[in-house]
Every structure is written in C-alpha cells, then in structure tokens.
Amino acid sequence: MRITGFKTFIVDSTDGRGGPQWVFVKVLTSEDGLYGIGEGSVTSKATTIAAAIMELERMVAGKDPLRIEGLWQLMYRNPRWRGGPVLNSAISAIEIALWDIKGKAYGQPIYQLLGGACRDRIRMYAHCGGPTPQAAAENALRVKARGFTALKTGALHVENGTVIPASGIRKAIEKIAAMREAVGEDFDIAIDAHGQLTPPMALEFCQRVAEYRPLWVEEPTQPEDLDTLAWLAQKSPVPLATGERLFTKWGFADLCGRHLVNYVQPDVVHCGGISEMKKIAAIAEAHFIDCAPHNPQSWVSTFASLHVDACTPNCVIQEQIAGPSWQAELFRTEWQIVDGYAALPDRPGLGLDFDEAEAAKHPYVPDFRPDWRWPDGSVADW
C-alpha cells in the first residue's frame, strides 16, 4: 500500500457568518476506497494551512502510510524550518489521517493500536457564558441539565470591544459567582483567560476567583515566556492550565519539568497529531500533571482526541463544542454524550467518514477575530 495523493478541503463551520473555518486533508492510498481524514484548522489561517498541507504531499507521496512515526519525522525534520501553528498543524492533519488509515487497515479503533483502553468512558465539558450574571447562571443550568458535570467560561467581561481591567475582571467574577451558585458545589467550572490578561490582571483574577473553586484558570499568561507563568504559579491560589498554543513534546518539556501548571492542554490538530499528543501526555504523567486536551474544532479533532483520551491514564477531561447540526451529514456518523461522558469510539480508524458533497455546501468564507482595544485605542489580545 502506498500514499497516492492528498485532497484538501476548507469548510465554513458558521454558515457564512465569517467565523471559524475547518481545514481537512484526505490522504488517499493505492488500496481501493481506503483513505484517511485529518484536520489542521487554525483560526484565521485556513488558506495558509491548506497550502502548508499540500506542500508536504510531495514528501510522502509513494510512501507506506503505515509507517507513521517515520513519516512524521520526515515531515518535521526534512524541511529544516520547524515549529509554529502553521507547520505543526499541517503535520498534525496528515498524521491524524495516517492513523485513520492504519486503524481502517487493521479493522480497529485507533486507541486499540495505542495500547488499548484504560477507562470505560471519557468525561466531557461544554462551553458556557452570558452577558450578565443572570444569563450566565441560566446557561450554566442548561449545561447541567444536558448531563454535563463540568463547563468552561471566560475570565474577562468586555463591552463594545474595549478592555477595561477593573470592571472587566469584576464583572467576570460576578458572572462566575452566579454560575457557581446556580450549579452547586459539586459541579466543575473551568475558566479560560485566553491570554487576554496582563500578568498583574491574571494575579488579581486568580486571587479573586479562588473562593468559587475553579477547576483551573487556563492560559492566564502568554505562551512566549514561561518565567511569567512561573511568577504567577508561585502566587496563584487556584490551579492553572495551558498548552493550546504550544507544539510538540519539546514545547511541553520545560513547562512540565518546572511544574508550572496542574493541567496541560495540547491540541491534537496543532501539537503534532495523535502520537505526539500521547507523548506530551506521557511527559506530563511523569510529573504528576493531568492532561485536558484542547479541542474547539470539528468532530475529526474531537474523535482524534477521544482516541488518545481512551488509552492515556492522565487524560482526565475532554473539551468539545457542539458545532453545526450538519456535522452528522459531513462525517456520516452520529455520537452523543450521556451523563457528561462520551463512549469510547468503536469503529475502525477515527470512526468517521467524510462526505465531499456535504463539504462543498459550506465553502470557504474569510473569518475575522473580534478587534479588542485598550481604552487608549491600542490593540488588546483576543
């Protein structure tokens, strides 16, 4: 069996509203009908990712798709330029597709080829928020009513695109307090700061939110400087998490070795793929750090993450978003979360198909991020 080529697809997940665009690669093989599907979606970089994926086609065409580790090393090391969201997400997309091929070739779900299950089901969490404390509390109750035992919300309240530190933190805390009162003490609330806080703001937020017992505060600092995170970790009274903008095992080694967070959050479509995420989780496990994979993308990303979760002891909870209703048609499958848990995938490979005709119904639309500013008009992080 040999790789015969790639096909890439950019799919608008927002029905023309200019939001996240999904980028998929279909890796074709010489075996009739046998292909793998992978994802490399990066916000605001869809066409760049698609081009990066196709740049790698000539490197692996004609090679054995079952030699996943060797092909990963080739794609990562041979071009000399390494790292970053674009290059790593392109590799991740292809690597996920190769695992899909391998699972289908052997008639097994991917996690069975990675050592087999270490749990019976996978705990999931949903996203939740609201413009006011009352709305946030009502939305949290809706999440709980759907069977979830955990949710994630934001750490900064912003109105009209202007970041005002004092009121932004105060109003965010008010919403989290209302959510805690609504869902009760035995429900987990994770908080995503999204790198939007300055270091002093992050410390103030962590100190003020501690009484509401967050599961973690995520991305409280920017990823470029671990010493800033170390400064915060020494002072924070709440658990910290990070990792969605870190790549490969090398990007996580120092973070884990210095015990700077309580949870690492690699994203399977950015960090290097399925094998690389399992290696990252193993590094974290060696330092008694839990893994909570990042995943705001499509079901390809979700299923790839679930396979790692299934066979990795310290993958304790999984992010997911509902996404558009037509995903079931795009991937020709359905799945559900029952009592806040997902079942282990049971079909060969990822457990998904891919309908090109459905993908064509949702063509690429340029997406735009919100333009947040400080009161003086300078650019703020989103």
Protein backbone atom coordinates (compact mmCIF):
# COMPACT_ATOMS: atom_id res chain seq x y z
CA MET A 1 0.00 0.00 0.00
CA ARG A 2 1.24 3.49 -0.89
CA ILE A 3 0.11 7.08 -0.45
CA THR A 4 -1.17 8.30 -3.82
CA GLY A 5 -2.06 11.90 -3.02
CA PHE A 6 -3.87 14.46 -0.90
CA LYS A 7 -7.10 16.37 -1.23
CA THR A 8 -7.70 19.43 0.97
CA PHE A 9 -11.00 20.98 1.96
CA ILE A 10 -11.84 24.26 3.68
CA VAL A 11 -15.29 24.08 5.25
CA ASP A 12 -17.10 27.06 6.75
CA SER A 13 -18.46 25.97 10.13
CA THR A 14 -20.57 29.10 10.62
CA ASP A 15 -22.89 29.11 7.58
CA GLY A 16 -21.47 32.30 6.10
CA ARG A 17 -21.09 34.30 9.31
CA GLY A 18 -17.33 34.67 8.93
CA GLY A 19 -16.34 32.51 11.88
CA PRO A 20 -14.02 29.51 12.21
CA GLN A 21 -13.10 27.68 9.01
CA TRP A 22 -12.23 23.98 9.22
CA VAL A 23 -9.33 22.63 7.17
CA PHE A 24 -9.31 18.91 6.32
CA VAL A 25 -6.96 16.69 4.39
CA LYS A 26 -7.98 13.44 2.77
CA VAL A 27 -4.94 11.18 2.37
CA LEU A 28 -5.55 8.75 -0.49
CA THR A 29 -3.94 5.32 -0.86
CA SER A 30 -3.40 2.71 -3.52
CA GLU A 31 -5.93 0.44 -1.78
CA ASP A 32 -9.31 0.95 -3.42
CA GLY A 33 -11.54 3.09 -1.20
CA LEU A 34 -9.08 3.29 1.68
CA TYR A 35 -8.35 6.85 2.79
CA GLY A 36 -7.75 8.78 5.97
CA ILE A 37 -9.23 12.07 7.09
CA GLY A 38 -7.31 14.60 9.19
CA GLU A 39 -7.80 18.15 10.43
CA GLY A 40 -5.43 21.10 10.79
CA SER A 41 -7.79 24.03 11.44
CA VAL A 42 -6.16 27.25 12.69
CA THR A 43 -8.29 30.33 13.25
CA SER A 44 -7.84 33.00 10.57
CA LYS A 45 -5.20 30.89 8.75
CA ALA A 46 -7.34 28.46 6.72
CA THR A 47 -5.86 29.05 3.28
CA THR A 48 -2.34 29.15 4.72
CA ILE A 49 -2.85 25.77 6.41
CA ALA A 50 -4.29 24.25 3.24
CA ALA A 51 -1.21 25.37 1.32
CA ALA A 52 1.12 24.03 4.01
CA ILE A 53 -0.58 20.64 3.87
CA MET A 54 -0.18 20.45 0.11
CA GLU A 55 3.49 21.46 0.42
CA LEU A 56 4.01 18.20 2.33
CA GLU A 57 2.29 15.98 -0.23
CA ARG A 58 5.40 15.59 -2.39
CA MET A 59 7.41 14.46 0.64
CA VAL A 60 5.21 11.49 1.47
CA ALA A 61 3.64 10.54 -1.87
CA GLY A 62 4.54 6.99 -2.84
CA LYS A 63 5.45 6.01 0.72
CA ASP A 64 3.90 3.45 3.06
CA PRO A 65 1.13 5.18 5.09
CA LEU A 66 1.51 2.69 7.93
CA ARG A 67 4.99 4.00 8.82
CA ILE A 68 3.53 6.89 10.78
CA GLU A 69 6.47 7.70 13.04
CA GLY A 70 8.93 7.71 10.16
CA LEU A 71 6.72 9.94 8.05
CA TRP A 72 6.25 12.33 10.98
CA GLN A 73 10.00 12.61 11.42
CA LEU A 74 10.41 13.22 7.70
CA MET A 75 7.78 15.96 7.57
CA TYR A 76 9.04 17.65 10.72
CA ARG A 77 12.79 17.47 10.22
CA ASN A 78 13.47 17.37 6.50
CA PRO A 79 12.25 20.90 5.54
CA ARG A 80 14.63 22.37 8.20
CA TRP A 81 12.16 25.12 9.20
CA ARG A 82 10.23 23.79 12.15
CA GLY A 83 7.62 24.82 14.65
CA GLY A 84 4.72 27.21 14.93
CA PRO A 85 0.99 26.82 14.41
CA VAL A 86 1.03 26.55 10.61
CA LEU A 87 3.78 23.96 10.09
CA ASN A 88 2.76 21.83 13.06
CA SER A 89 -0.95 21.92 12.24
CA ALA A 90 -0.24 20.79 8.68
CA ILE A 91 1.78 17.84 10.01
CA SER A 92 -0.92 17.12 12.59
CA ALA A 93 -3.63 16.93 9.93
CA ILE A 94 -1.66 14.43 7.87
CA GLU A 95 -0.63 12.37 10.90
CA ILE A 96 -4.23 12.06 12.08
CA ALA A 97 -5.23 10.90 8.59
CA LEU A 98 -2.44 8.29 8.63
CA TRP A 99 -3.75 6.89 11.91
CA ASP A 100 -7.23 6.79 10.38
CA ILE A 101 -5.81 4.74 7.51
CA LYS A 102 -3.96 2.41 9.88
CA GLY A 103 -7.00 1.77 12.04
CA LYS A 104 -9.11 1.01 8.98
CA ALA A 105 -6.40 -1.24 7.52
CA TYR A 106 -6.30 -3.32 10.70
CA GLY A 107 -10.04 -3.08 11.41
CA GLN A 108 -9.51 -1.49 14.82
CA PRO A 109 -10.25 1.82 16.55
CA ILE A 110 -7.05 3.83 16.83
CA TYR A 111 -6.84 3.61 20.62
CA GLN A 112 -6.63 -0.17 20.38
CA LEU A 113 -3.41 0.25 18.37
CA LEU A 114 -2.02 2.61 21.04
CA GLY A 115 -2.23 0.15 23.91
CA GLY A 116 -5.94 -0.29 24.42
CA ALA A 117 -8.40 1.35 26.77
CA CYS A 118 -7.52 2.46 30.29
CA ARG A 119 -11.03 3.79 31.02
CA ASP A 120 -14.60 2.86 30.17
CA ARG A 121 -15.84 6.31 29.19
CA ILE A 122 -14.48 9.84 28.75
CA ARG A 123 -15.57 12.83 30.78
CA MET A 124 -16.51 15.84 28.65
CA TYR A 125 -17.15 19.52 29.28
CA ALA A 126 -19.11 22.17 27.40
CA HIS A 127 -18.70 25.92 26.91
CA CYS A 128 -20.96 28.41 28.64
CA GLY A 129 -21.22 32.14 29.31
CA GLY A 130 -23.56 35.10 29.14
CA PRO A 131 -23.70 38.89 29.04
CA THR A 132 -24.99 39.19 32.62
CA PRO A 133 -24.69 37.13 35.82
CA GLN A 134 -28.32 36.03 35.47
CA ALA A 135 -27.83 34.92 31.87
CA ALA A 136 -24.61 33.10 32.74
CA ALA A 137 -26.33 31.27 35.59
CA GLU A 138 -29.26 30.26 33.39
CA ASN A 139 -26.94 28.99 30.67
CA ALA A 140 -24.92 27.03 33.22
CA LEU A 141 -28.08 25.33 34.43
CA ARG A 142 -28.88 24.37 30.84
CA VAL A 143 -25.46 22.75 30.51
CA LYS A 144 -26.02 20.85 33.75
CA ALA A 145 -29.49 19.76 32.57
CA ARG A 146 -27.85 18.21 29.50
CA GLY A 147 -25.94 15.88 31.83
CA PHE A 148 -22.57 17.59 31.93
CA THR A 149 -20.65 17.75 35.19
CA ALA A 150 -18.27 20.49 34.06
CA LEU A 151 -18.22 23.61 31.89
CA LYS A 152 -15.78 26.27 30.78
CA THR A 153 -16.36 30.01 30.75
CA GLY A 154 -14.39 33.20 30.17
CA ALA A 155 -12.26 35.31 32.51
CA LEU A 156 -12.86 38.80 31.19
CA HIS A 157 -16.01 40.83 30.57
CA VAL A 158 -15.64 43.18 27.59
CA GLU A 159 -18.22 45.63 26.28
CA ASN A 160 -18.11 47.33 22.88
CA GLY A 161 -14.67 45.85 22.20
CA THR A 162 -12.93 47.87 24.94
CA VAL A 163 -10.93 46.10 27.65
CA ILE A 164 -11.25 47.93 30.97
CA PRO A 165 -9.23 45.93 33.55
CA ALA A 166 -11.08 46.81 36.76
CA SER A 167 -14.65 46.41 35.53
CA GLY A 168 -13.71 43.57 33.16
CA ILE A 169 -12.42 41.42 36.00
CA ARG A 170 -15.12 42.45 38.48
CA LYS A 171 -17.99 41.69 36.11
CA ALA A 172 -16.45 38.38 35.05
CA ILE A 173 -16.16 37.35 38.72
CA GLU A 174 -19.80 38.32 39.27
CA LYS A 175 -20.87 36.00 36.45
CA ILE A 176 -18.74 33.14 37.77
CA ALA A 177 -20.20 33.64 41.26
CA ALA A 178 -23.71 33.41 39.82
CA MET A 179 -22.81 30.26 37.89
CA ARG A 180 -21.36 28.62 41.00
CA GLU A 181 -24.49 29.40 43.00
CA ALA A 182 -26.67 28.01 40.21
CA VAL A 183 -24.86 24.70 39.56
CA GLY A 184 -23.83 23.94 43.14
CA GLU A 185 -20.59 22.92 44.79
CA ASP A 186 -20.14 19.53 43.08
CA PHE A 187 -20.04 20.87 39.52
CA ASP A 188 -16.70 21.88 37.97
CA ILE A 189 -16.21 25.32 36.44
CA ALA A 190 -13.08 25.80 34.34
CA ILE A 191 -12.12 29.33 33.31
CA ASP A 192 -10.32 30.34 30.10
CA ALA A 193 -8.33 33.58 30.31
CA HIS A 194 -7.30 33.04 26.68
CA GLY A 195 -4.08 35.01 27.15
CA GLN A 196 -6.18 38.17 27.41
CA LEU A 197 -4.89 39.28 30.82
CA THR A 198 -1.71 41.14 31.64
CA PRO A 199 0.34 39.46 34.41
CA PRO A 200 -0.99 41.80 37.15
CA MET A 201 -4.54 41.26 35.90
CA ALA A 202 -4.00 37.49 35.89
CA LEU A 203 -2.84 37.52 39.50
CA GLU A 204 -5.75 39.69 40.61
CA PHE A 205 -8.20 37.45 38.79
CA CYS A 206 -6.79 34.24 40.29
CA GLN A 207 -6.91 35.70 43.79
CA ARG A 208 -10.46 36.98 43.45
CA VAL A 209 -11.92 33.87 41.79
CA ALA A 210 -10.41 31.40 44.29
CA GLU A 211 -13.47 31.35 46.56
CA TYR A 212 -15.52 29.88 43.69
CA ARG A 213 -13.14 26.93 43.35
CA PRO A 214 -12.42 26.84 39.61
CA LEU A 215 -11.23 23.59 38.13
CA TRP A 216 -8.47 25.66 36.53
CA VAL A 217 -7.64 29.07 35.09
CA GLU A 218 -6.48 28.46 31.53
CA GLU A 219 -3.89 30.44 29.58
CA PRO A 220 -3.51 33.10 32.29
CA THR A 221 -0.33 34.32 30.56
CA GLN A 222 1.04 34.41 27.04
CA PRO A 223 2.97 31.27 25.97
CA GLU A 224 6.13 33.07 24.85
CA ASP A 225 7.66 33.41 28.34
CA LEU A 226 7.45 30.59 30.86
CA ASP A 227 9.04 32.76 33.54
CA THR A 228 5.92 34.93 33.59
CA LEU A 229 3.85 31.80 34.15
CA ALA A 230 6.30 30.71 36.87
CA TRP A 231 5.84 34.08 38.62
CA LEU A 232 2.07 33.61 38.57
CA ALA A 233 2.20 29.93 39.60
CA GLN A 234 4.14 30.86 42.75
CA LYS A 235 1.39 33.27 43.80
CA SER A 236 -1.83 31.75 42.42
CA PRO A 237 -4.27 30.15 44.89
CA VAL A 238 -6.04 28.25 42.08
CA PRO A 239 -4.95 25.51 39.64
CA LEU A 240 -3.50 26.69 36.33
CA ALA A 241 -3.63 25.19 32.83
CA THR A 242 -2.07 25.94 29.46
CA GLY A 243 -0.91 24.36 26.23
CA GLU A 244 -3.19 25.05 23.28
CA ARG A 245 -0.53 27.28 21.69
CA LEU A 246 2.41 25.01 22.45
CA PHE A 247 3.68 22.47 19.96
CA THR A 248 5.37 19.05 20.09
CA LYS A 249 6.88 17.29 23.06
CA TRP A 250 9.68 19.85 23.14
CA GLY A 251 7.23 22.69 23.70
CA PHE A 252 5.88 20.97 26.81
CA ALA A 253 9.05 19.51 28.32
CA ASP A 254 10.18 22.59 30.27
CA LEU A 255 6.61 23.50 31.26
CA CYS A 256 6.12 20.09 32.83
CA GLY A 257 9.64 19.80 34.22
CA ARG A 258 9.17 23.03 36.15
CA HIS A 259 5.67 22.04 37.34
CA LEU A 260 4.22 25.38 36.22
CA VAL A 261 0.65 24.15 35.70
CA ASN A 262 -1.69 21.50 37.04
CA TYR A 263 -3.15 20.65 33.62
CA VAL A 264 -1.57 20.58 30.17
CA GLN A 265 -3.83 21.21 27.19
CA PRO A 266 -2.27 20.06 23.93
CA ASP A 267 -4.47 20.35 20.86
CA VAL A 268 -4.26 17.29 18.63
CA VAL A 269 -4.61 19.33 15.42
CA HIS A 270 -1.79 21.71 16.41
CA CYS A 271 0.65 19.88 18.68
CA GLY A 272 1.80 17.31 16.10
CA GLY A 273 -1.03 14.82 15.95
CA ILE A 274 -2.16 11.72 17.81
CA SER A 275 1.22 10.16 18.57
CA GLU A 276 2.68 13.50 19.64
CA MET A 277 -0.22 14.26 21.96
CA LYS A 278 0.19 10.88 23.62
CA LYS A 279 3.90 11.61 24.11
CA ILE A 280 3.09 15.01 25.61
CA ALA A 281 0.63 13.40 27.99
CA ALA A 282 3.30 10.87 29.00
CA ILE A 283 5.74 13.69 29.84
CA ALA A 284 3.02 15.30 31.95
CA GLU A 285 2.18 11.98 33.61
CA ALA A 286 5.83 11.56 34.65
CA HIS A 287 5.47 14.87 36.53
CA PHE A 288 2.03 14.05 38.01
CA ILE A 289 0.31 16.62 35.81
CA ASP A 290 -3.08 15.87 34.30
CA CYS A 291 -3.95 16.32 30.63
CA ALA A 292 -7.13 18.04 29.42
CA PRO A 293 -6.86 18.24 25.62
CA HIS A 294 -7.89 21.45 23.90
CA ASN A 295 -10.49 20.99 21.16
CA PRO A 296 -12.72 23.75 19.75
CA GLN A 297 -12.71 22.24 16.24
CA SER A 298 -14.73 19.67 14.30
CA TRP A 299 -15.52 16.06 15.07
CA VAL A 300 -12.28 14.98 13.40
CA SER A 301 -10.39 16.79 16.14
CA THR A 302 -12.84 15.53 18.76
CA PHE A 303 -12.55 11.88 17.71
CA ALA A 304 -8.76 12.07 17.42
CA SER A 305 -8.68 13.45 20.96
CA LEU A 306 -11.05 10.77 22.24
CA HIS A 307 -8.75 8.02 20.97
CA VAL A 308 -5.85 9.49 22.94
CA ASP A 309 -8.09 10.01 25.99
CA ALA A 310 -9.23 6.40 25.85
CA CYS A 311 -5.73 4.94 26.23
CA THR A 312 -3.94 7.61 28.29
CA PRO A 313 -4.26 7.47 32.10
CA ASN A 314 -3.85 11.18 32.86
CA CYS A 315 -6.25 12.48 30.17
CA VAL A 316 -8.97 13.29 32.69
CA ILE A 317 -11.45 15.52 30.82
CA GLN A 318 -12.09 16.49 27.20
CA GLU A 319 -13.19 19.80 25.68
CA GLN A 320 -15.76 19.78 22.89
CA ILE A 321 -18.13 22.20 21.20
CA ALA A 322 -21.49 21.41 19.71
CA GLY A 323 -20.74 22.85 16.27
CA PRO A 324 -23.22 22.99 13.37
CA SER A 325 -26.03 20.46 13.17
CA TRP A 326 -24.88 19.23 9.74
CA GLN A 327 -21.70 17.64 11.12
CA ALA A 328 -23.55 14.32 11.22
CA GLU A 329 -24.00 14.55 7.45
CA LEU A 330 -20.44 15.75 6.82
CA PHE A 331 -18.93 12.81 8.70
CA ARG A 332 -21.73 10.29 8.11
CA THR A 333 -21.90 9.40 11.76
CA GLU A 334 -23.60 10.38 14.97
CA TRP A 335 -22.44 10.28 18.55
CA GLN A 336 -23.73 11.55 21.84
CA ILE A 337 -22.67 12.50 25.33
CA VAL A 338 -24.60 10.70 28.07
CA ASP A 339 -24.48 11.94 31.67
CA GLY A 340 -21.49 14.10 30.79
CA TYR A 341 -19.43 11.25 29.31
CA ALA A 342 -18.63 10.05 25.79
CA ALA A 343 -18.39 6.37 24.94
CA LEU A 344 -15.12 5.03 23.56
CA PRO A 345 -15.09 5.11 19.73
CA ASP A 346 -15.93 1.66 18.38
CA ARG A 347 -15.44 1.90 14.61
CA PRO A 348 -12.14 1.25 12.79
CA GLY A 349 -9.80 4.22 12.45
CA LEU A 350 -11.12 7.51 13.73
CA GLY A 351 -14.67 6.25 13.36
CA LEU A 352 -15.70 8.87 10.81
CA ASP A 353 -16.34 9.04 7.08
CA PHE A 354 -16.18 12.25 5.03
CA ASP A 355 -18.84 13.43 2.58
CA GLU A 356 -17.23 15.67 -0.05
CA ALA A 357 -20.62 16.74 -1.40
CA GLU A 358 -21.68 17.98 2.03
CA ALA A 359 -18.36 19.79 2.44
CA ALA A 360 -18.96 21.61 -0.86
CA LYS A 361 -22.20 23.04 0.54
CA HIS A 362 -20.16 25.08 3.05
CA PRO A 363 -17.43 26.83 1.07
CA TYR A 364 -14.66 28.96 2.49
CA VAL A 365 -15.55 32.38 3.91
CA PRO A 366 -12.77 34.62 5.32
CA ASP A 367 -13.07 34.72 9.10
CA PHE A 368 -12.34 37.67 11.35
CA ARG A 369 -11.49 37.82 15.02
CA PRO A 370 -13.01 40.47 17.31
CA ASP A 371 -10.97 43.67 17.42
CA TRP A 372 -10.44 44.41 21.11
CA ARG A 373 -8.73 47.60 22.27
CA TRP A 374 -7.48 49.15 25.48
CA PRO A 375 -9.17 52.45 26.44
CA ASP A 376 -6.35 54.40 24.74
CA GLY A 377 -7.04 52.68 21.43
CA SER A 378 -4.05 50.34 21.39
CA VAL A 379 -4.55 46.69 20.40
CA ALA A 380 -5.57 44.21 23.11
CA ASP A 381 -5.33 40.42 22.96
CA TRP A 382 -8.31 38.29 21.97
